[in-house]
Protein backbone atom coordinates (compact mmCIF):
# COMPACT_ATOMS: atom_id res chain seq x y z
CA MET A 1 -6.91 -27.57 -25.70
CA SER A 2 -8.51 -24.67 -27.54
CA ALA A 3 -6.72 -21.36 -27.94
CA ALA A 4 -8.64 -19.99 -24.95
CA LEU A 5 -7.44 -20.46 -21.39
CA PRO A 6 -9.12 -19.18 -18.23
CA ALA A 7 -8.72 -15.44 -17.68
CA ASP A 8 -6.32 -14.12 -15.08
CA SER A 9 -7.34 -14.92 -11.53
CA ALA A 10 -6.01 -13.27 -8.41
CA ASP A 11 -6.15 -16.69 -6.77
CA LEU A 12 -3.87 -18.44 -9.29
CA PRO A 13 -0.26 -17.90 -10.38
CA LEU A 14 0.12 -17.22 -14.07
CA ALA A 15 2.67 -20.06 -14.29
CA GLU A 16 3.54 -22.62 -11.64
CA LEU A 17 6.06 -25.45 -11.43
CA SER A 18 5.48 -28.02 -8.67
CA ALA A 19 8.14 -30.58 -7.69
CA VAL A 20 9.56 -30.42 -11.24
CA THR A 21 12.46 -32.72 -12.04
CA LYS A 22 14.23 -32.88 -15.39
CA VAL A 23 16.67 -35.69 -16.17
CA TYR A 24 18.60 -36.01 -19.42
CA GLY A 25 20.00 -39.44 -20.29
CA THR A 26 19.72 -42.67 -18.32
CA GLY A 27 21.74 -44.81 -15.97
CA ALA A 28 25.27 -43.70 -15.22
CA ALA A 29 24.99 -41.03 -17.92
CA ALA A 30 21.88 -39.42 -16.38
CA MET A 31 22.16 -35.68 -15.77
CA HIS A 32 19.74 -34.08 -13.32
CA ALA A 33 19.11 -30.58 -14.68
CA LEU A 34 16.30 -29.84 -12.21
CA ARG A 35 15.80 -31.53 -8.84
CA GLY A 36 12.19 -31.16 -7.70
CA ILE A 37 11.83 -27.38 -7.93
CA ASP A 38 8.79 -25.32 -6.95
CA LEU A 39 8.31 -21.95 -8.63
CA ALA A 40 5.23 -19.74 -8.99
CA ILE A 41 5.14 -16.68 -11.28
CA GLY A 42 2.39 -14.17 -10.60
CA ALA A 43 0.73 -12.13 -13.34
CA GLY A 44 2.53 -8.81 -13.80
CA GLU A 45 5.80 -9.87 -12.19
CA PHE A 46 9.27 -9.24 -13.60
CA VAL A 47 11.46 -12.14 -12.46
CA ALA A 48 15.20 -12.52 -13.09
CA VAL A 49 16.36 -16.15 -13.07
CA MET A 50 20.06 -16.35 -12.23
CA GLY A 51 22.76 -18.94 -11.71
CA ALA A 52 25.97 -20.34 -13.09
CA SER A 53 26.16 -22.31 -16.32
CA GLY A 54 24.58 -25.72 -15.74
CA SER A 55 22.59 -24.56 -12.71
CA GLY A 56 19.23 -25.38 -14.32
CA LYS A 57 18.02 -21.87 -15.13
CA SER A 58 17.76 -22.44 -18.90
CA THR A 59 16.02 -25.79 -18.42
CA CYS A 60 13.50 -24.03 -16.19
CA MET A 61 12.96 -21.40 -18.89
CA ASN A 62 12.47 -24.07 -21.57
CA ILE A 63 9.82 -25.82 -19.49
CA LEU A 64 7.99 -22.55 -18.79
CA GLY A 65 8.11 -21.85 -22.54
CA CYS A 66 6.72 -25.28 -23.48
CA LEU A 67 9.95 -26.01 -25.35
CA ASP A 68 10.64 -28.94 -23.03
CA THR A 69 8.65 -31.07 -20.59
CA PRO A 70 9.38 -32.21 -17.02
CA THR A 71 10.53 -35.73 -16.30
CA LYS A 72 8.45 -35.58 -13.13
CA GLY A 73 6.29 -32.96 -11.49
CA ALA A 74 3.63 -30.57 -12.78
CA TYR A 75 3.51 -27.36 -14.79
CA ARG A 76 0.30 -25.32 -14.70
CA PHE A 77 -0.46 -22.21 -16.74
CA ARG A 78 -3.43 -20.22 -15.41
CA GLY A 79 -4.37 -23.34 -13.53
CA VAL A 80 -4.38 -25.60 -16.60
CA SER A 81 -2.09 -28.63 -16.48
CA VAL A 82 0.46 -28.12 -19.24
CA THR A 83 2.06 -31.48 -18.51
CA ALA A 84 -1.23 -33.16 -19.51
CA LEU A 85 -1.35 -31.44 -22.92
CA SER A 86 -0.34 -33.00 -26.21
CA ARG A 87 2.54 -31.63 -28.29
CA ASN A 88 0.09 -29.78 -30.56
CA GLN A 89 -1.78 -28.33 -27.60
CA ARG A 90 1.47 -27.06 -26.09
CA ALA A 91 2.32 -25.49 -29.44
CA ARG A 92 -1.02 -23.65 -29.43
CA LEU A 93 -0.39 -22.42 -25.88
CA ARG A 94 3.05 -21.20 -26.95
CA ARG A 95 1.62 -19.46 -30.02
CA HIS A 96 -1.18 -17.63 -28.22
CA TYR A 97 0.16 -16.87 -24.75
CA LEU A 98 3.96 -16.79 -24.79
CA GLY A 99 6.56 -14.49 -26.33
CA PHE A 100 10.29 -15.24 -26.63
CA VAL A 101 13.41 -13.07 -26.82
CA PHE A 102 16.79 -14.78 -27.28
CA GLN A 103 20.40 -13.68 -26.95
CA GLY A 104 21.01 -14.33 -30.65
CA TYR A 105 17.90 -12.43 -31.88
CA ASN A 106 16.84 -15.35 -34.15
CA LEU A 107 15.77 -13.05 -36.99
CA LEU A 108 15.62 -13.93 -40.69
CA LYS A 109 18.62 -11.92 -41.93
CA ARG A 110 17.43 -11.13 -45.46
CA THR A 111 13.85 -10.45 -44.42
CA SER A 112 12.55 -7.00 -43.52
CA ALA A 113 11.94 -5.97 -39.92
CA LEU A 114 8.21 -5.78 -40.66
CA GLU A 115 8.12 -9.30 -42.09
CA ASN A 116 10.10 -10.66 -39.14
CA VAL A 117 7.60 -9.17 -36.71
CA GLU A 118 4.67 -10.49 -38.76
CA LEU A 119 5.81 -14.11 -38.52
CA PRO A 120 3.94 -15.13 -35.32
CA LEU A 121 0.74 -13.66 -36.77
CA LEU A 122 1.30 -15.49 -40.05
CA TYR A 123 1.46 -18.76 -38.09
CA ARG A 124 -1.89 -17.85 -36.57
CA GLY A 125 -3.40 -17.47 -40.05
CA MET A 126 -4.18 -13.76 -39.61
CA ALA A 127 -5.17 -11.75 -42.69
CA ALA A 128 -2.30 -9.83 -44.29
CA ALA A 129 -3.63 -6.29 -43.76
CA ARG A 130 -4.33 -6.84 -40.06
CA ARG A 131 -1.01 -8.62 -39.64
CA ARG A 132 0.89 -5.74 -41.20
CA ALA A 133 -0.88 -3.11 -39.10
CA LEU A 134 -0.10 -4.91 -35.84
CA ALA A 135 3.53 -5.44 -36.85
CA ARG A 136 3.94 -1.73 -37.66
CA ALA A 137 2.45 -0.81 -34.29
CA ALA A 138 4.79 -3.23 -32.48
CA LEU A 139 7.83 -1.76 -34.21
CA ALA A 140 6.70 1.71 -33.21
CA ASP A 141 6.30 0.48 -29.62
CA VAL A 142 9.99 -0.47 -29.51
CA GLY A 143 11.20 2.75 -31.13
CA LEU A 144 11.66 1.48 -34.69
CA ALA A 145 9.00 3.37 -36.62
CA GLY A 146 10.52 4.08 -40.03
CA PHE A 147 12.70 0.94 -40.00
CA GLU A 148 10.02 -1.41 -41.33
CA ASP A 149 11.78 -2.09 -44.65
CA HIS A 150 15.29 -2.57 -43.23
CA THR A 151 16.54 -6.14 -43.28
CA ALA A 152 18.03 -7.57 -40.11
CA SER A 153 21.51 -7.45 -41.67
CA GLU A 154 21.10 -3.67 -42.11
CA LEU A 155 20.39 -3.11 -38.40
CA SER A 156 22.69 -2.77 -35.40
CA GLY A 157 22.64 -5.41 -32.66
CA GLY A 158 20.46 -3.25 -30.45
CA GLN A 159 18.03 -2.59 -33.29
CA GLN A 160 17.88 -6.30 -34.09
CA GLN A 161 17.02 -7.04 -30.47
CA ARG A 162 14.28 -4.39 -30.62
CA VAL A 163 12.86 -6.16 -33.69
CA ALA A 164 12.99 -9.43 -31.75
CA ILE A 165 11.12 -7.81 -28.85
CA ALA A 166 8.53 -6.39 -31.25
CA ARG A 167 8.06 -9.88 -32.68
CA ALA A 168 7.62 -11.26 -29.15
CA ILE A 169 4.99 -8.68 -28.12
CA VAL A 170 3.03 -8.43 -31.39
CA THR A 171 0.83 -11.32 -30.22
CA ARG A 172 0.21 -9.54 -26.88
CA PRO A 173 1.52 -12.46 -24.82
CA ALA A 174 0.64 -13.07 -21.19
CA LEU A 175 4.23 -14.15 -20.49
CA LEU A 176 7.45 -12.87 -22.07
CA LEU A 177 10.45 -15.19 -21.71
CA ALA A 178 13.82 -13.53 -22.28
CA ASP A 179 16.96 -15.66 -22.39
CA GLU A 180 20.10 -13.51 -21.88
CA PRO A 181 18.54 -10.71 -23.98
CA THR A 182 21.57 -8.41 -23.59
CA GLY A 183 24.27 -11.07 -23.91
CA ASN A 184 25.46 -9.84 -27.33
CA LEU A 185 25.19 -6.11 -26.63
CA ASP A 186 27.47 -3.40 -25.27
CA SER A 187 26.68 -1.91 -21.88
CA ALA A 188 24.90 1.23 -23.13
CA THR A 189 22.69 -0.72 -25.55
CA SER A 190 22.05 -3.33 -22.86
CA ARG A 191 20.64 -0.65 -20.59
CA GLU A 192 18.39 0.62 -23.40
CA ILE A 193 17.04 -2.87 -24.00
CA MET A 194 16.47 -3.48 -20.29
CA GLU A 195 14.66 -0.16 -19.92
CA LEU A 196 12.41 -1.19 -22.81
CA ILE A 197 11.63 -4.58 -21.27
CA ALA A 198 11.01 -2.99 -17.86
CA ALA A 199 8.64 -0.47 -19.46
CA LEU A 200 6.67 -3.25 -21.19
CA ASN A 201 6.31 -4.94 -17.82
CA ARG A 202 5.42 -1.77 -15.94
CA GLU A 203 3.19 -0.05 -18.50
CA ARG A 204 1.65 -2.98 -20.39
CA GLY A 205 1.46 -5.43 -17.51
CA ILE A 206 3.35 -8.11 -19.47
CA THR A 207 4.76 -10.72 -17.11
CA VAL A 208 8.49 -11.16 -17.73
CA VAL A 209 10.79 -14.03 -16.80
CA MET A 210 14.38 -13.31 -17.80
CA VAL A 211 17.42 -15.58 -17.58
CA THR A 212 20.60 -13.61 -16.98
CA HIS A 213 23.99 -14.00 -15.34
CA GLU A 214 24.54 -10.23 -15.11
CA PRO A 215 23.60 -8.61 -11.78
CA ASP A 216 23.26 -5.15 -13.33
CA MET A 217 20.67 -6.50 -15.79
CA ALA A 218 18.88 -8.43 -13.04
CA ALA A 219 18.61 -5.15 -11.12
CA TYR A 220 15.73 -4.16 -13.39
CA ALA A 221 13.62 -7.09 -12.14
CA GLY A 222 11.44 -6.98 -9.06
CA ARG A 223 12.32 -10.52 -8.02
CA HIS A 224 15.47 -12.64 -8.17
CA VAL A 225 15.41 -16.45 -8.31
CA ARG A 226 18.84 -18.06 -8.08
CA PHE A 227 19.53 -21.64 -9.18
CA VAL A 228 22.39 -23.82 -7.94
CA ASP A 229 22.87 -27.44 -9.10
CA GLY A 230 19.30 -27.85 -10.32
CA GLU A 231 17.66 -26.41 -7.22
CA VAL A 232 16.27 -23.01 -6.24
CA GLU A 233 18.83 -21.68 -3.80
CA SER A 234 17.08 -18.35 -3.15
CA ASP A 235 13.96 -16.47 -4.16
CA THR A 236 13.96 -12.83 -3.04
CA ALA A 237 12.23 -9.55 -3.76
CA ASN A 238 14.36 -6.78 -5.24
CA ARG A 239 13.04 -3.63 -3.63
CA ASP A 240 15.55 -1.52 -5.55
CA ALA A 241 14.35 -2.54 -9.02
CA ALA A 242 15.45 -0.01 -11.62
């Protein structure tokens, strides 16, 4: 697979799981994390994936993010079969089309905010001057202009998560995957982070899939998908999205 995938099409979901099963282990020790789920994510959606611990929501996220592969079933991204790609091809898809935000920020603690945001562009082999300019712009987009030289250890939790979001969007991803992005934050900072993510979805058209167990955070999403025991229990529109 080259770096290029087909452009958005109104006829195709951005990401689609069909009859996806994921089993860890074998025999009596086998654990069915997903049990034949179907899930389609349209371009521009903001989807909250919910469920109890062990319900399958994180496994679903990992498959969408090309961090794991189905045991059975199909995953298509813009109509291209991801399950047919090699490990290196999936890595290229991840690098060029996906952005990730995690509960634990996953920043290099002794590295500046600017250098943390530059990392995905460094992996792409982008020239230093262009890389730096895009990273500065991404930090400004998340409200951290002037914090470029601060190391992660010098920033608050909310600021660190903003750096992580800047790092996720600096590549201009088609799909942003957020795994409990407010899990380590107080309620006021959580709302600030959710308002930022919602604005990126609304104003930039970035498709967002967010795993959360918090209903007040899920309220920002336009669609709620709830997992129970490896299956999709419900899939509903949230007409009161914040």
